[in-house]
Structures are given as structure tokens and as C-alpha cells.
Amino acid sequence: MIKAIVFDCFGVLTTDGWLPFKRKYFSHDAKLAAEATDLNKKTDAGLASYEDFARGIAALAHAPYEEAKKAIETNVTDDELLNYIATALKPHYKIGMLSNAGANWLDRLFSEEQQRIFDAVALSYETGFVKPADGAYHIIAERLGVDVTECVLIDDQERYCTAAREQGMSAVWYKSLEQLKIDLSPLLKKA
């Protein structure tokens, strides 16, 4: 029985400025791409500061720091999705956020009203668990007060959905709000 729905932040609740920047500057060079990915993972795990990440990424891209920082911080909130969560899901389910994040972006990305939608949040920089690590899925379930098998993860990265399923969570690979509604419906009807 599903009791909680857990949403990824970047790529689901908001756009993701990091991935387009990474493609633009590093897709042509596997070594640079690996260095950028490694720096991102260290920051997401709380092992490097966000400031160090932004400066390091700018240096790797040979881009001005302010330009790089602005590009990777361009994350637009999906108000339509948040409204759907607040009106259609929140009255019936606990709502969580599980995100690989190098810093606490909540105040920048979401209004106070939008933040109140979430019963629990687990950001990798503060938990030390970066998806697809097993612990990431368990910590959000624990914070929501439910078993991992009672959760559905909504994520734009298929590999994170696969890892969630391996831990016993249901998962929906997110592509759009309309697709989410279609794919989520049968999972919620199992209740």
C-alpha cells in the first residue's frame, strides 16, 4: 500500500541548469566530463562546498565564474506540478523530496507555501547519501515515517528509479506531468 510519494528536485520539481551546462562544456572531452562529474558528486555528498564546485566547474569549462554559476543555477520551478501535488496528492499521501544537491536550494527555488507541501526532505549534501546509494531511499522513507516499500519515487533519471525499485520502492521515470499522472495512477490504485 502506497503511503508516500517522493519527488526528485532538479529535473522534476524544477528544471536542471547543471545538465545542459555539463553537456555544453564537457560532452566533447571524456576526461573533462569525468572531472566535472566527480566534482559534482563530491559536492552532492557534502565533501566539497558548493562555492568550490562552482569555481571548479568554471575553471574546467574555461568560462567566467559568474557566467558558469548563473548557468548552473538556472532552475525554474514547475508551478503546475507543485499545484498538482498540493491539490491531488498531498490530501491523501505523505510527500517527500529526495535530491542529489550540493547545497540547500529550497528557499531559492520554492515559496514558503510550496515548501510546506513536503513532509520530509533529504538532500544528499546533508545526509551523505547520493542517489543511487541504497541509504538515500531508506533515509527519506524513515523521515516520512513509512517503510521504503510504501513509497513511490518520481525521478527524471532512470538509473535512480531502477535503484529505488531494487530497494523495494515503486518508481516512475518522470518525463512530463501528463505522463506522471498516467503512470502514477495504477500504482496508487493498488492501495
Protein backbone atom coordinates (compact mmCIF):
# COMPACT_ATOMS: atom_id res chain seq x y z
CA MET A 1 0.00 0.00 0.00
CA ILE A 2 1.46 3.36 -1.04
CA LYS A 3 1.58 5.92 1.78
CA ALA A 4 4.18 8.38 0.46
CA ILE A 5 5.24 9.92 -2.83
CA VAL A 6 8.82 11.13 -3.08
CA PHE A 7 9.90 13.68 -5.68
CA ASP A 8 13.32 14.47 -7.05
CA CYS A 9 14.06 18.20 -7.24
CA PHE A 10 16.24 19.01 -10.28
CA GLY A 11 14.65 17.73 -13.48
CA VAL A 12 11.27 17.10 -11.84
CA LEU A 13 10.16 19.87 -9.46
CA THR A 14 12.44 22.34 -11.24
CA THR A 15 14.45 22.45 -14.42
CA ASP A 16 18.09 21.41 -14.08
CA GLY A 17 20.67 24.02 -15.07
CA TRP A 18 23.63 21.73 -14.36
CA LEU A 19 22.97 19.06 -17.02
CA PRO A 20 22.74 21.45 -20.01
CA PHE A 21 25.91 23.22 -18.80
CA LYS A 22 27.68 19.87 -18.46
CA ARG A 23 26.64 18.82 -21.98
CA LYS A 24 27.67 22.16 -23.48
CA TYR A 25 31.12 22.35 -21.93
CA PHE A 26 32.19 18.78 -21.26
CA SER A 27 30.49 16.36 -23.68
CA HIS A 28 33.35 16.72 -26.20
CA ASP A 29 36.02 15.57 -23.73
CA ALA A 30 35.56 12.40 -21.68
CA LYS A 31 38.34 13.35 -19.23
CA LEU A 32 36.82 16.78 -18.53
CA ALA A 33 33.35 15.23 -18.24
CA ALA A 34 34.69 12.74 -15.68
CA GLU A 35 36.38 15.52 -13.67
CA ALA A 36 33.19 17.62 -13.71
CA THR A 37 31.07 14.63 -12.69
CA ASP A 38 33.50 13.77 -9.88
CA LEU A 39 33.40 17.32 -8.55
CA ASN A 40 29.60 17.30 -8.72
CA LYS A 41 29.41 14.00 -6.82
CA LYS A 42 31.78 15.26 -4.10
CA THR A 43 29.67 18.39 -3.67
CA ASP A 44 26.42 16.40 -3.62
CA ALA A 45 27.91 14.17 -0.91
CA GLY A 46 28.84 17.21 1.20
CA LEU A 47 32.58 16.60 0.71
CA ALA A 48 33.15 19.90 -1.12
CA SER A 49 31.38 23.22 -0.76
CA TYR A 50 29.04 24.49 -3.43
CA GLU A 51 31.33 27.51 -3.89
CA ASP A 52 34.27 25.16 -4.59
CA PHE A 53 32.07 23.28 -7.07
CA ALA A 54 31.05 26.44 -8.95
CA ARG A 55 34.62 27.73 -9.10
CA GLY A 56 35.97 24.33 -10.14
CA ILE A 57 33.36 23.90 -12.86
CA ALA A 58 34.05 27.39 -14.22
CA ALA A 59 37.77 26.63 -14.34
CA LEU A 60 37.23 23.29 -16.08
CA ALA A 61 34.92 24.94 -18.63
CA HIS A 62 37.28 27.90 -19.14
CA ALA A 63 34.24 30.08 -18.53
CA PRO A 64 33.94 33.18 -16.37
CA TYR A 65 32.89 32.23 -12.85
CA GLU A 66 29.77 34.42 -12.76
CA GLU A 67 28.62 33.12 -16.16
CA ALA A 68 29.12 29.49 -15.12
CA LYS A 69 27.44 30.00 -11.76
CA LYS A 70 24.44 31.72 -13.34
CA ALA A 71 24.05 28.92 -15.91
CA ILE A 72 24.17 26.07 -13.40
CA GLU A 73 21.81 27.94 -11.07
CA THR A 74 19.15 28.46 -13.73
CA ASN A 75 16.48 26.23 -12.25
CA VAL A 76 12.85 27.12 -12.93
CA THR A 77 10.20 25.78 -10.56
CA ASP A 78 7.36 23.76 -12.12
CA ASP A 79 4.40 25.51 -10.50
CA GLU A 80 1.88 23.33 -12.34
CA LEU A 81 3.41 20.14 -10.93
CA LEU A 82 3.60 21.63 -7.43
CA ASN A 83 -0.06 22.63 -7.66
CA TYR A 84 -0.98 19.06 -8.70
CA ILE A 85 1.00 17.68 -5.76
CA ALA A 86 -0.64 20.11 -3.32
CA THR A 87 -4.21 19.59 -4.51
CA ALA A 88 -4.38 15.99 -5.76
CA LEU A 89 -1.70 14.11 -3.80
CA LYS A 90 -0.99 15.89 -0.51
CA PRO A 91 -4.51 15.33 0.90
CA HIS A 92 -4.01 11.54 0.60
CA TYR A 93 -0.26 10.84 0.84
CA LYS A 94 2.83 11.98 2.65
CA ILE A 95 5.03 13.96 0.29
CA GLY A 96 8.82 13.85 0.32
CA MET A 97 11.72 15.30 -1.60
CA LEU A 98 14.88 13.29 -2.26
CA SER A 99 17.55 15.09 -4.22
CA ASN A 100 21.22 14.99 -5.04
CA ALA A 101 22.01 18.57 -4.08
CA GLY A 102 25.27 20.27 -3.20
CA ALA A 103 23.53 22.89 -1.05
CA ASN A 104 20.14 23.79 0.40
CA TRP A 105 18.31 25.38 -2.51
CA LEU A 106 14.83 25.21 -1.05
CA ASP A 107 14.47 28.90 -0.12
CA ARG A 108 15.75 29.96 -3.55
CA LEU A 109 13.56 27.61 -5.54
CA PHE A 110 10.31 27.32 -3.61
CA SER A 111 7.99 29.71 -1.83
CA GLU A 112 7.21 29.05 1.84
CA GLU A 113 3.81 27.74 0.77
CA GLN A 114 5.41 25.34 -1.72
CA GLN A 115 7.92 24.14 0.88
CA ARG A 116 5.06 23.27 3.24
CA ILE A 117 3.91 20.64 0.72
CA PHE A 118 6.80 18.42 1.81
CA ASP A 119 6.50 16.34 4.95
CA ALA A 120 10.20 15.45 4.76
CA VAL A 121 13.23 16.40 2.71
CA ALA A 122 16.52 14.53 2.26
CA LEU A 123 19.25 16.40 0.39
CA SER A 124 22.42 14.47 -0.35
CA TYR A 125 24.86 17.11 0.86
CA GLU A 126 23.39 16.88 4.38
CA THR A 127 22.65 13.13 4.51
CA GLY A 128 25.83 11.94 2.80
CA PHE A 129 23.75 9.58 0.64
CA VAL A 130 23.91 10.37 -3.08
CA LYS A 131 21.42 8.54 -5.30
CA PRO A 132 21.66 5.74 -6.32
CA ALA A 133 23.13 4.77 -2.92
CA ASP A 134 20.78 2.46 -1.02
CA GLY A 135 20.79 4.72 2.03
CA ALA A 136 19.26 7.64 0.10
CA TYR A 137 15.99 5.76 -0.40
CA HIS A 138 15.86 4.47 3.14
CA ILE A 139 16.55 7.82 4.79
CA ILE A 140 13.66 9.57 3.04
CA ALA A 141 11.30 6.72 3.93
CA GLU A 142 12.48 6.90 7.53
CA ARG A 143 11.97 10.68 7.63
CA LEU A 144 8.47 10.22 6.24
CA GLY A 145 7.72 7.58 8.88
CA VAL A 146 6.92 4.85 6.36
CA ASP A 147 8.54 1.69 5.07
CA VAL A 148 10.52 2.02 1.86
CA THR A 149 8.03 -0.38 0.21
CA GLU A 150 5.24 2.12 0.91
CA CYS A 151 6.87 4.84 -1.22
CA VAL A 152 6.83 5.82 -4.89
CA LEU A 153 9.83 7.73 -6.22
CA ILE A 154 9.33 10.23 -9.04
CA ASP A 155 12.68 10.92 -10.74
CA ASP A 156 13.88 12.10 -14.14
CA GLN A 157 16.88 9.74 -14.06
CA GLU A 158 16.02 6.18 -14.99
CA ARG A 159 19.00 4.77 -13.08
CA TYR A 160 17.69 6.31 -9.84
CA CYS A 161 14.28 4.74 -10.47
CA THR A 162 15.96 1.37 -11.01
CA ALA A 163 17.91 1.73 -7.76
CA ALA A 164 14.73 2.68 -5.89
CA ARG A 165 12.97 -0.43 -7.19
CA GLU A 166 15.93 -2.54 -6.04
CA GLN A 167 15.28 -1.20 -2.51
CA GLY A 168 11.59 -2.11 -2.71
CA MET A 169 10.19 1.30 -3.69
CA SER A 170 7.89 1.78 -6.60
CA ALA A 171 9.16 4.35 -9.10
CA VAL A 172 8.03 6.47 -12.02
CA TRP A 173 10.56 7.75 -14.54
CA TYR A 174 9.42 11.36 -14.95
CA LYS A 175 9.11 12.98 -18.37
CA SER A 176 6.08 15.27 -18.03
CA LEU A 177 3.17 16.00 -15.72
CA GLU A 178 0.68 14.28 -18.03
CA GLN A 179 2.86 11.17 -18.24
CA LEU A 180 3.26 11.20 -14.45
CA LYS A 181 -0.48 11.21 -13.91
CA ILE A 182 -0.89 8.24 -16.26
CA ASP A 183 1.99 6.20 -14.79
CA LEU A 184 1.25 7.02 -11.15
CA SER A 185 -2.45 6.17 -11.25
CA PRO A 186 -2.14 2.35 -11.33
CA LEU A 187 0.46 2.41 -8.53
CA LEU A 188 -1.86 4.40 -6.29
CA LYS A 189 -4.87 2.20 -7.10
CA LYS A 190 -3.05 -0.79 -5.60
CA ALA A 191 -3.76 0.71 -2.19
